[in-house]
């Protein structure tokens, strides 16, 4: 009898994990990405130095947060909005605007294979 309880608990835990995993997949995005900025780039309120970055997509409550991390630099957290795409992105794109201070500002990130883009 105790074995049946343990098996039942394990099945419940596995079901919860698979539901949580499926919920993330419904967003149409991956959890981590890599990006390179050739010149200093403003993301949110932070000015990131040129270089290679690992980006993690996380959630804080209902907010989507992109965490930019580069070797030797503190991580930068920036809120983003997910905007659904009509179909999976065929290419990775970085879309910029220029601000009044003549800085390059990251406006959108689109990653190949995702079904949503990140808008800052």
PDB file of N, CA and C in Angstrom:
ATOM      1  N   UNK A   1       0.810  -1.207   0.000  1.00  0.00           N
ATOM      2  CA  UNK A   1       0.000   0.000   0.000  1.00  0.00           C
ATOM      3  C   UNK A   1       0.855   1.275   0.000  1.00  0.00           C
ATOM      4  N   UNK A   2       1.912   1.381   0.847  1.00  0.00           N
ATOM      5  CA  UNK A   2       2.743   2.582   0.817  1.00  0.00           C
ATOM      6  C   UNK A   2       3.394   2.782  -0.564  1.00  0.00           C
ATOM      7  N   UNK A   3       3.714   1.688  -1.250  1.00  0.00           N
ATOM      8  CA  UNK A   3       4.319   1.799  -2.574  1.00  0.00           C
ATOM      9  C   UNK A   3       3.355   2.473  -3.544  1.00  0.00           C
ATOM     10  N   UNK A   4       2.071   2.160  -3.445  1.00  0.00           N
ATOM     11  CA  UNK A   4       1.075   2.783  -4.313  1.00  0.00           C
ATOM     12  C   UNK A   4       0.995   4.285  -4.063  1.00  0.00           C
ATOM     13  N   UNK A   5       1.115   4.714  -2.820  1.00  0.00           N
ATOM     14  CA  UNK A   5       1.087   6.146  -2.501  1.00  0.00           C
ATOM     15  C   UNK A   5       2.288   6.852  -3.106  1.00  0.00           C
ATOM     16  N   UNK A   6       3.459   6.239  -2.996  1.00  0.00           N
ATOM     17  CA  UNK A   6       4.679   6.832  -3.546  1.00  0.00           C
ATOM     18  C   UNK A   6       4.559   6.956  -5.067  1.00  0.00           C
ATOM     19  N   UNK A   7       4.071   5.893  -5.708  1.00  0.00           N
ATOM     20  CA  UNK A   7       3.899   5.918  -7.163  1.00  0.00           C
ATOM     21  C   UNK A   7       2.880   6.996  -7.548  1.00  0.00           C
ATOM     22  N   UNK A   8       1.804   7.103  -6.800  1.00  0.00           N
ATOM     23  CA  UNK A   8       0.785   8.127  -7.066  1.00  0.00           C
ATOM     24  C   UNK A   8       1.349   9.532  -6.938  1.00  0.00           C
ATOM     25  N   UNK A   9       2.147   9.755  -5.922  1.00  0.00           N
ATOM     26  CA  UNK A   9       2.769  11.068  -5.721  1.00  0.00           C
ATOM     27  C   UNK A   9       3.727  11.375  -6.871  1.00  0.00           C
ATOM     28  N   UNK A  10       4.532  10.395  -7.266  1.00  0.00           N
ATOM     29  CA  UNK A  10       5.461  10.597  -8.375  1.00  0.00           C
ATOM     30  C   UNK A  10       4.719  10.932  -9.673  1.00  0.00           C
ATOM     31  N   UNK A  11       3.624  10.270  -9.917  1.00  0.00           N
ATOM     32  CA  UNK A  11       2.834  10.546 -11.115  1.00  0.00           C
ATOM     33  C   UNK A  11       2.288  11.970 -11.072  1.00  0.00           C
ATOM     34  N   UNK A  12       1.813  12.397  -9.917  1.00  0.00           N
ATOM     35  CA  UNK A  12       1.306  13.769  -9.776  1.00  0.00           C
ATOM     36  C   UNK A  12       2.410  14.790 -10.007  1.00  0.00           C
ATOM     37  N   UNK A  13       3.590  14.554  -9.449  1.00  0.00           N
ATOM     38  CA  UNK A  13       4.709  15.471  -9.628  1.00  0.00           C
ATOM     39  C   UNK A  13       5.106  15.539 -11.097  1.00  0.00           C
ATOM     40  N   UNK A  14       5.203  14.405 -11.756  1.00  0.00           N
ATOM     41  CA  UNK A  14       5.555  14.390 -13.181  1.00  0.00           C
ATOM     42  C   UNK A  14       4.504  15.112 -14.018  1.00  0.00           C
ATOM     43  N   UNK A  15       3.245  14.954 -13.681  1.00  0.00           N
ATOM     44  CA  UNK A  15       2.184  15.646 -14.410  1.00  0.00           C
ATOM     45  C   UNK A  15       2.309  17.153 -14.241  1.00  0.00           C
ATOM     46  N   UNK A  16       2.580  17.620 -13.020  1.00  0.00           N
ATOM     47  CA  UNK A  16       2.736  19.054 -12.786  1.00  0.00           C
ATOM     48  C   UNK A  16       3.926  19.620 -13.552  1.00  0.00           C
ATOM     49  N   UNK A  17       5.030  18.882 -13.564  1.00  0.00           N
ATOM     50  CA  UNK A  17       6.218  19.331 -14.294  1.00  0.00           C
ATOM     51  C   UNK A  17       5.920  19.413 -15.788  1.00  0.00           C
ATOM     52  N   UNK A  18       5.223  18.422 -16.322  1.00  0.00           N
ATOM     53  CA  UNK A  18       4.920  18.447 -17.758  1.00  0.00           C
ATOM     54  C   UNK A  18       3.949  19.571 -18.094  1.00  0.00           C
ATOM     55  N   UNK A  19       2.996  19.874 -17.223  1.00  0.00           N
ATOM     56  CA  UNK A  19       2.086  21.007 -17.455  1.00  0.00           C
ATOM     57  C   UNK A  19       2.849  22.323 -17.442  1.00  0.00           C
ATOM     58  N   UNK A  20       3.768  22.481 -16.489  1.00  0.00           N
ATOM     59  CA  UNK A  20       4.567  23.712 -16.421  1.00  0.00           C
ATOM     60  C   UNK A  20       5.445  23.848 -17.657  1.00  0.00           C
ATOM     61  N   UNK A  21       6.025  22.752 -18.087  1.00  0.00           N
ATOM     62  CA  UNK A  21       6.862  22.774 -19.287  1.00  0.00           C
ATOM     63  C   UNK A  21       6.033  23.110 -20.514  1.00  0.00           C
ATOM     64  N   UNK A  22       4.846  22.551 -20.616  1.00  0.00           N
ATOM     65  CA  UNK A  22       3.970  22.827 -21.755  1.00  0.00           C
ATOM     66  C   UNK A  22       3.534  24.284 -21.755  1.00  0.00           C
ATOM     67  N   UNK A  23       3.323  24.866 -20.592  1.00  0.00           N
ATOM     68  CA  UNK A  23       2.919  26.271 -20.516  1.00  0.00           C
ATOM     69  C   UNK A  23       4.020  27.165 -21.085  1.00  0.00           C
ATOM     70  N   UNK A  24       5.294  26.863 -20.783  1.00  0.00           N
ATOM     71  CA  UNK A  24       6.399  27.645 -21.331  1.00  0.00           C
ATOM     72  C   UNK A  24       6.470  27.499 -22.840  1.00  0.00           C
ATOM     73  N   UNK A  25       6.231  26.297 -23.354  1.00  0.00           N
ATOM     74  CA  UNK A  25       6.285  26.063 -24.789  1.00  0.00           C
ATOM     75  C   UNK A  25       5.177  26.838 -25.502  1.00  0.00           C
ATOM     76  N   UNK A  26       4.059  27.077 -24.844  1.00  0.00           N
ATOM     77  CA  UNK A  26       2.966  27.823 -25.455  1.00  0.00           C
ATOM     78  C   UNK A  26       3.345  29.270 -25.730  1.00  0.00           C
ATOM     79  N   UNK A  27       4.386  29.776 -25.065  1.00  0.00           N
ATOM     80  CA  UNK A  27       4.837  31.135 -25.317  1.00  0.00           C
ATOM     81  C   UNK A  27       5.509  31.234 -26.681  1.00  0.00           C
ATOM     82  N   UNK A  28       5.977  30.108 -27.198  1.00  0.00           N
ATOM     83  CA  UNK A  28       6.610  30.088 -28.503  1.00  0.00           C
ATOM     84  C   UNK A  28       8.036  30.603 -28.497  1.00  0.00           C
ATOM     85  N   UNK A  29       8.673  30.577 -27.326  1.00  0.00           N
ATOM     86  CA  UNK A  29      10.044  31.086 -27.216  1.00  0.00           C
ATOM     87  C   UNK A  29      10.889  30.107 -26.413  1.00  0.00           C
ATOM     88  N   UNK A  30      12.195  30.259 -26.555  1.00  0.00           N
ATOM     89  CA  UNK A  30      13.132  29.471 -25.749  1.00  0.00           C
ATOM     90  C   UNK A  30      13.482  30.233 -24.477  1.00  0.00           C
ATOM     91  N   UNK A  31      14.175  29.563 -23.581  1.00  0.00           N
ATOM     92  CA  UNK A  31      14.564  30.186 -22.312  1.00  0.00           C
ATOM     93  C   UNK A  31      15.868  30.955 -22.406  1.00  0.00           C
ATOM     94  N   UNK A  32      16.791  30.525 -23.279  1.00  0.00           N
ATOM     95  CA  UNK A  32      18.087  31.198 -23.384  1.00  0.00           C
ATOM     96  C   UNK A  32      18.452  31.458 -24.837  1.00  0.00           C
ATOM     97  N   UNK A  33      19.212  32.511 -25.030  1.00  0.00           N
ATOM     98  CA  UNK A  33      19.649  32.941 -26.352  1.00  0.00           C
ATOM     99  C   UNK A  33      21.066  33.477 -26.242  1.00  0.00           C
ATOM    100  N   UNK A  34      21.697  33.678 -27.400  1.00  0.00           N
ATOM    101  CA  UNK A  34      22.992  34.362 -27.463  1.00  0.00           C
ATOM    102  C   UNK A  34      22.868  35.479 -28.483  1.00  0.00           C
ATOM    103  N   UNK A  35      23.497  36.613 -28.179  1.00  0.00           N
ATOM    104  CA  UNK A  35      23.460  37.767 -29.068  1.00  0.00           C
ATOM    105  C   UNK A  35      24.791  38.502 -28.956  1.00  0.00           C
ATOM    106  N   UNK A  36      25.176  39.155 -30.044  1.00  0.00           N
ATOM    107  CA  UNK A  36      26.393  39.955 -30.061  1.00  0.00           C
ATOM    108  C   UNK A  36      26.036  41.381 -30.447  1.00  0.00           C
ATOM    109  N   UNK A  37      26.522  42.336 -29.669  1.00  0.00           N
ATOM    110  CA  UNK A  37      26.374  43.749 -30.000  1.00  0.00           C
ATOM    111  C   UNK A  37      27.734  44.243 -30.474  1.00  0.00           C
ATOM    112  N   UNK A  38      27.787  44.795 -31.683  1.00  0.00           N
ATOM    113  CA  UNK A  38      29.045  45.274 -32.259  1.00  0.00           C
ATOM    114  C   UNK A  38      29.471  46.619 -31.685  1.00  0.00           C
ATOM    115  N   UNK A  39      28.507  47.381 -31.203  1.00  0.00           N
ATOM    116  CA  UNK A  39      28.775  48.690 -30.610  1.00  0.00           C
ATOM    117  C   UNK A  39      27.984  48.778 -29.308  1.00  0.00           C
ATOM    118  N   UNK A  40      28.324  49.723 -28.412  1.00  0.00           N
ATOM    119  CA  UNK A  40      27.515  49.877 -27.196  1.00  0.00           C
ATOM    120  C   UNK A  40      26.042  50.065 -27.561  1.00  0.00           C
ATOM    121  N   UNK A  41      25.179  49.395 -26.820  1.00  0.00           N
ATOM    122  CA  UNK A  41      23.756  49.375 -27.139  1.00  0.00           C
ATOM    123  C   UNK A  41      22.943  49.608 -25.882  1.00  0.00           C
ATOM    124  N   UNK A  42      21.987  50.507 -25.976  1.00  0.00           N
ATOM    125  CA  UNK A  42      21.089  50.755 -24.858  1.00  0.00           C
ATOM    126  C   UNK A  42      19.952  49.737 -24.908  1.00  0.00           C
ATOM    127  N   UNK A  43      19.739  49.079 -23.760  1.00  0.00           N
ATOM    128  CA  UNK A  43      18.629  48.145 -23.596  1.00  0.00           C
ATOM    129  C   UNK A  43      17.898  48.585 -22.339  1.00  0.00           C
ATOM    130  N   UNK A  44      16.667  49.042 -22.499  1.00  0.00           N
ATOM    131  CA  UNK A  44      15.963  49.624 -21.361  1.00  0.00           C
ATOM    132  C   UNK A  44      16.712  50.873 -20.910  1.00  0.00           C
ATOM    133  N   UNK A  45      17.051  50.936 -19.639  1.00  0.00           N
ATOM    134  CA  UNK A  45      17.768  52.104 -19.121  1.00  0.00           C
ATOM    135  C   UNK A  45      19.279  51.885 -19.059  1.00  0.00           C
ATOM    136  N   UNK A  46      19.733  50.672 -19.413  1.00  0.00           N
ATOM    137  CA  UNK A  46      21.160  50.338 -19.313  1.00  0.00           C
ATOM    138  C   UNK A  46      21.856  50.461 -20.659  1.00  0.00           C
ATOM    139  N   UNK A  47      23.077  50.962 -20.639  1.00  0.00           N
ATOM    140  CA  UNK A  47      23.920  51.001 -21.831  1.00  0.00           C
ATOM    141  C   UNK A  47      24.903  49.843 -21.729  1.00  0.00           C
ATOM    142  N   UNK A  48      24.707  48.831 -22.588  1.00  0.00           N
ATOM    143  CA  UNK A  48      25.546  47.642 -22.558  1.00  0.00           C
ATOM    144  C   UNK A  48      26.766  47.838 -23.447  1.00  0.00           C
ATOM    145  N   UNK A  49      27.946  47.472 -22.966  1.00  0.00           N
ATOM    146  CA  UNK A  49      29.137  47.562 -23.812  1.00  0.00           C
ATOM    147  C   UNK A  49      29.029  46.581 -24.979  1.00  0.00           C
ATOM    148  N   UNK A  50      29.751  46.861 -26.065  1.00  0.00           N
ATOM    149  CA  UNK A  50      29.810  45.918 -27.178  1.00  0.00           C
ATOM    150  C   UNK A  50      30.336  44.587 -26.648  1.00  0.00           C
ATOM    151  N   UNK A  51      29.845  43.499 -27.223  1.00  0.00           N
ATOM    152  CA  UNK A  51      30.327  42.189 -26.799  1.00  0.00           C
ATOM    153  C   UNK A  51      29.285  41.109 -26.983  1.00  0.00           C
ATOM    154  N   UNK A  52      29.629  39.922 -26.511  1.00  0.00           N
ATOM    155  CA  UNK A  52      28.750  38.749 -26.596  1.00  0.00           C
ATOM    156  C   UNK A  52      27.948  38.623 -25.309  1.00  0.00           C
ATOM    157  N   UNK A  53      26.667  38.314 -25.470  1.00  0.00           N
ATOM    158  CA  UNK A  53      25.773  38.202 -24.317  1.00  0.00           C
ATOM    159  C   UNK A  53      24.974  36.910 -24.374  1.00  0.00           C
ATOM    160  N   UNK A  54      24.763  36.349 -23.202  1.00  0.00           N
ATOM    161  CA  UNK A  54      23.792  35.275 -23.033  1.00  0.00           C
ATOM    162  C   UNK A  54      22.553  35.945 -22.468  1.00  0.00           C
ATOM    163  N   UNK A  55      21.406  35.645 -23.065  1.00  0.00           N
ATOM    164  CA  UNK A  55      20.149  36.245 -22.610  1.00  0.00           C
ATOM    165  C   UNK A  55      19.249  35.127 -22.099  1.00  0.00           C
ATOM    166  N   UNK A  56      18.716  35.325 -20.919  1.00  0.00           N
ATOM    167  CA  UNK A  56      17.735  34.386 -20.358  1.00  0.00           C
ATOM    168  C   UNK A  56      16.385  35.081 -20.291  1.00  0.00           C
ATOM    169  N   UNK A  57      15.358  34.388 -20.722  1.00  0.00           N
ATOM    170  CA  UNK A  57      13.992  34.904 -20.592  1.00  0.00           C
ATOM    171  C   UNK A  57      13.428  34.324 -19.305  1.00  0.00           C
ATOM    172  N   UNK A  58      12.996  35.193 -18.399  1.00  0.00           N
ATOM    173  CA  UNK A  58      12.426  34.754 -17.132  1.00  0.00           C
ATOM    174  C   UNK A  58      11.095  35.457 -16.908  1.00  0.00           C
ATOM    175  N   UNK A  59      10.401  35.022 -15.905  1.00  0.00           N
ATOM    176  CA  UNK A  59       9.139  35.647 -15.517  1.00  0.00           C
ATOM    177  C   UNK A  59       9.274  36.146 -14.085  1.00  0.00           C
ATOM    178  N   UNK A  60       8.728  37.347 -13.847  1.00  0.00           N
ATOM    179  CA  UNK A  60       8.589  37.873 -12.489  1.00  0.00           C
ATOM    180  C   UNK A  60       7.118  38.207 -12.355  1.00  0.00           C
ATOM    181  N   UNK A  61       6.377  37.277 -11.773  1.00  0.00           N
ATOM    182  CA  UNK A  61       4.922  37.414 -11.750  1.00  0.00           C
ATOM    183  C   UNK A  61       4.407  37.283 -13.164  1.00  0.00           C
ATOM    184  N   UNK A  62       3.726  38.301 -13.651  1.00  0.00           N
ATOM    185  CA  UNK A  62       3.220  38.279 -15.029  1.00  0.00           C
ATOM    186  C   UNK A  62       4.140  39.031 -15.995  1.00  0.00           C
ATOM    187  N   UNK A  63       5.240  39.597 -15.479  1.00  0.00           N
ATOM    188  CA  UNK A  63       6.166  40.359 -16.323  1.00  0.00           C
ATOM    189  C   UNK A  63       7.192  39.447 -16.985  1.00  0.00           C
ATOM    190  N   UNK A  64       7.442  39.701 -18.257  1.00  0.00           N
ATOM    191  CA  UNK A  64       8.492  39.005 -18.992  1.00  0.00           C
ATOM    192  C   UNK A  64       9.779  39.811 -18.819  1.00  0.00           C
ATOM    193  N   UNK A  65      10.840  39.140 -18.403  1.00  0.00           N
ATOM    194  CA  UNK A  65      12.114  39.799 -18.139  1.00  0.00           C
ATOM    195  C   UNK A  65      13.204  39.125 -18.963  1.00  0.00           C
ATOM    196  N   UNK A  66      13.997  39.944 -19.647  1.00  0.00           N
ATOM    197  CA  UNK A  66      15.168  39.452 -20.360  1.00  0.00           C
ATOM    198  C   UNK A  66      16.384  39.819 -19.516  1.00  0.00           C
ATOM    199  N   UNK A  67      17.212  38.825 -19.203  1.00  0.00           N
ATOM    200  CA  UNK A  67      18.399  39.032 -18.390  1.00  0.00           C
ATOM    201  C   UNK A  67      19.619  38.914 -19.314  1.00  0.00           C
ATOM    202  N   UNK A  68      20.334  40.019 -19.497  1.00  0.00           N
ATOM    203  CA  UNK A  68      21.514  40.074 -20.357  1.00  0.00           C
ATOM    204  C   UNK A  68      22.742  39.878 -19.486  1.00  0.00           C
ATOM    205  N   UNK A  69      23.582  38.908 -19.853  1.00  0.00           N
ATOM    206  CA  UNK A  69      24.789  38.664 -19.066  1.00  0.00           C
ATOM    207  C   UNK A  69      25.977  38.479 -20.001  1.00  0.00           C
ATOM    208  N   UNK A  70      27.043  39.201 -19.688  1.00  0.00           N
ATOM    209  CA  UNK A  70      28.284  39.142 -20.454  1.00  0.00           C
ATOM    210  C   UNK A  70      29.421  38.883 -19.490  1.00  0.00           C
ATOM    211  N   UNK A  71      30.390  38.184 -19.955  1.00  0.00           N
ATOM    212  CA  UNK A  71      31.550  37.838 -19.116  1.00  0.00           C
ATOM    213  C   UNK A  71      32.164  39.096 -18.499  1.00  0.00           C
ATOM    214  N   UNK A  72      32.273  39.101 -17.186  1.00  0.00           N
ATOM    215  CA  UNK A  72      32.921  40.208 -16.484  1.00  0.00           C
ATOM    216  C   UNK A  72      32.033  41.418 -16.227  1.00  0.00           C
ATOM    217  N   UNK A  73      30.789  41.384 -16.669  1.00  0.00           N
ATOM    218  CA  UNK A  73      29.875  42.511 -16.450  1.00  0.00           C
ATOM    219  C   UNK A  73      28.684  42.054 -15.609  1.00  0.00           C
ATOM    220  N   UNK A  74      28.108  42.953 -14.826  1.00  0.00           N
ATOM    221  CA  UNK A  74      26.922  42.566 -14.048  1.00  0.00           C
ATOM    222  C   UNK A  74      25.752  42.282 -14.987  1.00  0.00           C
ATOM    223  N   UNK A  75      24.856  41.396 -14.558  1.00  0.00           N
ATOM    224  CA  UNK A  75      23.699  41.108 -15.404  1.00  0.00           C
ATOM    225  C   UNK A  75      22.735  42.289 -15.395  1.00  0.00           C
ATOM    226  N   UNK A  76      22.076  42.476 -16.521  1.00  0.00           N
ATOM    227  CA  UNK A  76      21.118  43.564 -16.692  1.00  0.00           C
ATOM    228  C   UNK A  76      19.753  42.948 -16.947  1.00  0.00           C
ATOM    229  N   UNK A  77      18.755  43.383 -16.174  1.00  0.00           N
ATOM    230  CA  UNK A  77      17.389  42.870 -16.335  1.00  0.00           C
ATOM    231  C   UNK A  77      16.532  43.946 -16.976  1.00  0.00           C
ATOM    232  N   UNK A  78      15.808  43.546 -18.032  1.00  0.00           N
ATOM    233  CA  UNK A  78      14.976  44.484 -18.774  1.00  0.00           C
ATOM    234  C   UNK A  78      13.624  43.834 -19.036  1.00  0.00           C
ATOM    235  N   UNK A  79      12.566  44.578 -18.755  1.00  0.00           N
ATOM    236  CA  UNK A  79      11.217  44.093 -19.024  1.00  0.00           C
ATOM    237  C   UNK A  79      10.973  44.122 -20.528  1.00  0.00           C
ATOM    238  N   UNK A  80      10.297  43.094 -21.037  1.00  0.00           N
ATOM    239  CA  UNK A  80       9.953  43.064 -22.448  1.00  0.00           C
ATOM    240  C   UNK A  80       8.497  42.649 -22.610  1.00  0.00           C
ATOM    241  N   UNK A  81       7.997  42.858 -23.800  1.00  0.00           N
ATOM    242  CA  UNK A  81       6.648  42.430 -24.149  1.00  0.00           C
ATOM    243  C   UNK A  81       6.775  41.400 -25.249  1.00  0.00           C
ATOM    244  N   UNK A  82       6.085  40.278 -25.098  1.00  0.00           N
ATOM    245  CA  UNK A  82       6.065  39.275 -26.161  1.00  0.00           C
ATOM    246  C   UNK A  82       4.949  39.611 -27.127  1.00  0.00           C
ATOM    247  N   UNK A  83       5.296  39.668 -28.406  1.00  0.00           N
ATOM    248  CA  UNK A  83       4.317  39.945 -29.452  1.00  0.00           C
ATOM    249  C   UNK A  83       4.296  38.737 -30.376  1.00  0.00           C
ATOM    250  N   UNK A  84       3.138  38.064 -30.496  1.00  0.00           N
ATOM    251  CA  UNK A  84       3.065  36.873 -31.350  1.00  0.00           C
ATOM    252  C   UNK A  84       3.387  37.205 -32.809  1.00  0.00           C
ATOM    253  N   UNK A  85       4.071  36.266 -33.461  1.00  0.00           N
ATOM    254  CA  UNK A  85       4.357  36.371 -34.883  1.00  0.00           C
ATOM    255  C   UNK A  85       3.339  35.511 -35.647  1.00  0.00           C
ATOM    256  N   UNK A  86       3.112  35.836 -36.906  1.00  0.00           N
ATOM    257  CA  UNK A  86       2.161  35.077 -37.720  1.00  0.00           C
ATOM    258  C   UNK A  86       2.655  33.650 -37.963  1.00  0.00           C
ATOM    259  N   UNK A  87       3.970  33.472 -37.977  1.00  0.00           N
ATOM    260  CA  UNK A  87       4.563  32.148 -38.157  1.00  0.00           C
ATOM    261  C   UNK A  87       5.929  32.138 -37.479  1.00  0.00           C
ATOM    262  N   UNK A  88       6.542  30.971 -37.408  1.00  0.00           N
ATOM    263  CA  UNK A  88       7.866  30.886 -36.796  1.00  0.00           C
ATOM    264  C   UNK A  88       8.839  31.791 -37.533  1.00  0.00           C
ATOM    265  N   UNK A  89       9.674  32.467 -36.770  1.00  0.00           N
ATOM    266  CA  UNK A  89      10.672  33.354 -37.367  1.00  0.00           C
ATOM    267  C   UNK A  89      11.686  32.523 -38.149  1.00  0.00           C
ATOM    268  N   UNK A  90      11.948  32.950 -39.372  1.00  0.00           N
ATOM    269  CA  UNK A  90      12.899  32.234 -40.216  1.00  0.00           C
ATOM    270  C   UNK A  90      14.336  32.672 -39.965  1.00  0.00           C
ATOM    271  N   UNK A  91      14.516  33.889 -39.458  1.00  0.00           N
ATOM    272  CA  UNK A  91      15.859  34.408 -39.188  1.00  0.00           C
ATOM    273  C   UNK A  91      15.863  35.137 -37.844  1.00  0.00           C
ATOM    274  N   UNK A  92      17.052  35.253 -37.280  1.00  0.00           N
ATOM    275  CA  UNK A  92      17.233  36.037 -36.066  1.00  0.00           C
ATOM    276  C   UNK A  92      17.448  37.486 -36.465  1.00  0.00           C
ATOM    277  N   UNK A  93      16.763  38.403 -35.781  1.00  0.00           N
ATOM    278  CA  UNK A  93      16.874  39.829 -36.099  1.00  0.00           C
ATOM    279  C   UNK A  93      17.029  40.648 -34.829  1.00  0.00           C
ATOM    280  N   UNK A  94      17.824  41.706 -34.940  1.00  0.00           N
ATOM    281  CA  UNK A  94      17.946  42.711 -33.895  1.00  0.00           C
ATOM    282  C   UNK A  94      17.498  44.021 -34.520  1.00  0.00           C
ATOM    283  N   UNK A  95      16.473  44.646 -33.976  1.00  0.00           N
ATOM    284  CA  UNK A  95      15.923  45.876 -34.547  1.00  0.00           C
ATOM    285  C   UNK A  95      16.210  47.016 -33.574  1.00  0.00           C
ATOM    286  N   UNK A  96      16.802  48.090 -34.112  1.00  0.00           N
ATOM    287  CA  UNK A  96      17.254  49.209 -33.298  1.00  0.00           C
ATOM    288  C   UNK A  96      16.583  50.508 -33.723  1.00  0.00           C
ATOM    289  N   UNK A  97      16.578  51.448 -32.792  1.00  0.00           N
ATOM    290  CA  UNK A  97      16.242  52.839 -33.077  1.00  0.00           C
ATOM    291  C   UNK A  97      17.389  53.670 -32.514  1.00  0.00           C
ATOM    292  N   UNK A  98      17.415  54.939 -32.867  1.00  0.00           N
ATOM    293  CA  UNK A  98      18.448  55.830 -32.339  1.00  0.00           C
ATOM    294  C   UNK A  98      17.766  56.873 -31.461  1.00  0.00           C
ATOM    295  N   UNK A  99      18.318  57.110 -30.277  1.00  0.00           N
ATOM    296  CA  UNK A  99      17.705  58.085 -29.376  1.00  0.00           C
ATOM    297  C   UNK A  99      18.330  59.467 -29.574  1.00  0.00           C
ATOM    298  N   UNK A 100      17.848  60.440 -28.815  1.00  0.00           N
ATOM    299  CA  UNK A 100      18.313  61.830 -28.942  1.00  0.00           C
ATOM    300  C   UNK A 100      19.788  61.984 -28.602  1.00  0.00           C
ATOM    301  N   UNK A 101      20.327  61.063 -27.803  1.00  0.00           N
ATOM    302  CA  UNK A 101      21.744  61.115 -27.433  1.00  0.00           C
ATOM    303  C   UNK A 101      22.610  60.392 -28.460  1.00  0.00           C
ATOM    304  N   UNK A 102      22.014  60.032 -29.597  1.00  0.00           N
ATOM    305  CA  UNK A 102      22.716  59.356 -30.688  1.00  0.00           C
ATOM    306  C   UNK A 102      23.200  57.957 -30.285  1.00  0.00           C
ATOM    307  N   UNK A 103      22.485  57.307 -29.370  1.00  0.00           N
ATOM    308  CA  UNK A 103      22.812  55.954 -28.941  1.00  0.00           C
ATOM    309  C   UNK A 103      21.952  54.958 -29.704  1.00  0.00           C
ATOM    310  N   UNK A 104      22.520  53.799 -29.969  1.00  0.00           N
ATOM    311  CA  UNK A 104      21.737  52.724 -30.572  1.00  0.00           C
ATOM    312  C   UNK A 104      20.916  52.067 -29.463  1.00  0.00           C
ATOM    313  N   UNK A 105      19.605  51.990 -29.666  1.00  0.00           N
ATOM    314  CA  UNK A 105      18.687  51.455 -28.659  1.00  0.00           C
ATOM    315  C   UNK A 105      18.022  50.202 -29.219  1.00  0.00           C
ATOM    316  N   UNK A 106      18.151  49.096 -28.492  1.00  0.00           N
ATOM    317  CA  UNK A 106      17.508  47.857 -28.908  1.00  0.00           C
ATOM    318  C   UNK A 106      16.001  47.994 -28.753  1.00  0.00           C
ATOM    319  N   UNK A 107      15.278  47.800 -29.846  1.00  0.00           N
ATOM    320  CA  UNK A 107      13.826  47.929 -29.825  1.00  0.00           C
ATOM    321  C   UNK A 107      13.137  46.564 -29.857  1.00  0.00           C
ATOM    322  N   UNK A 108      13.661  45.638 -30.676  1.00  0.00           N
ATOM    323  CA  UNK A 108      13.062  44.309 -30.789  1.00  0.00           C
ATOM    324  C   UNK A 108      14.144  43.258 -30.981  1.00  0.00           C
ATOM    325  N   UNK A 109      13.868  42.070 -30.466  1.00  0.00           N
ATOM    326  CA  UNK A 109      14.674  40.890 -30.740  1.00  0.00           C
ATOM    327  C   UNK A 109      13.752  39.810 -31.275  1.00  0.00           C
ATOM    328  N   UNK A 110      14.148  39.229 -32.393  1.00  0.00           N
ATOM    329  CA  UNK A 110      13.418  38.114 -32.984  1.00  0.00           C
ATOM    330  C   UNK A 110      14.428  36.990 -33.147  1.00  0.00           C
ATOM    331  N   UNK A 111      14.101  35.816 -32.653  1.00  0.00           N
ATOM    332  CA  UNK A 111      15.007  34.682 -32.739  1.00  0.00           C
ATOM    333  C   UNK A 111      14.430  33.598 -33.631  1.00  0.00           C
ATOM    334  N   UNK A 112      15.283  33.097 -34.523  1.00  0.00           N
ATOM    335  CA  UNK A 112      14.871  32.066 -35.475  1.00  0.00           C
ATOM    336  C   UNK A 112      14.198  30.904 -34.745  1.00  0.00           C
ATOM    337  N   UNK A 113      13.043  30.495 -35.253  1.00  0.00           N
ATOM    338  CA  UNK A 113      12.321  29.354 -34.681  1.00  0.00           C
ATOM    339  C   UNK A 113      11.281  29.729 -33.645  1.00  0.00           C
ATOM    340  N   UNK A 114      11.345  30.958 -33.123  1.00  0.00           N
ATOM    341  CA  UNK A 114      10.356  31.411 -32.131  1.00  0.00           C
ATOM    342  C   UNK A 114       9.079  31.851 -32.828  1.00  0.00           C
ATOM    343  N   UNK A 115       7.979  31.825 -32.096  1.00  0.00           N
ATOM    344  CA  UNK A 115       6.695  32.294 -32.646  1.00  0.00           C
ATOM    345  C   UNK A 115       6.247  33.608 -32.004  1.00  0.00           C
ATOM    346  N   UNK A 116       7.173  34.232 -31.264  1.00  0.00           N
ATOM    347  CA  UNK A 116       6.899  35.538 -30.673  1.00  0.00           C
ATOM    348  C   UNK A 116       8.194  36.339 -30.683  1.00  0.00           C
ATOM    349  N   UNK A 117       8.046  37.682 -30.756  1.00  0.00           N
ATOM    350  CA  UNK A 117       9.224  38.546 -30.697  1.00  0.00           C
ATOM    351  C   UNK A 117       9.223  39.292 -29.371  1.00  0.00           C
ATOM    352  N   UNK A 118      10.418  39.726 -28.954  1.00  0.00           N
ATOM    353  CA  UNK A 118      10.595  40.460 -27.711  1.00  0.00           C
ATOM    354  C   UNK A 118      10.684  41.945 -28.064  1.00  0.00           C
ATOM    355  N   UNK A 119       9.787  42.752 -27.512  1.00  0.00           N
ATOM    356  CA  UNK A 119       9.770  44.189 -27.776  1.00  0.00           C
ATOM    357  C   UNK A 119      10.090  44.906 -26.473  1.00  0.00           C
ATOM    358  N   UNK A 120      11.026  45.863 -26.565  1.00  0.00           N
ATOM    359  CA  UNK A 120      11.475  46.605 -25.376  1.00  0.00           C
ATOM    360  C   UNK A 120      10.913  48.009 -25.367  1.00  0.00           C
TER     361      UNK A 120
END
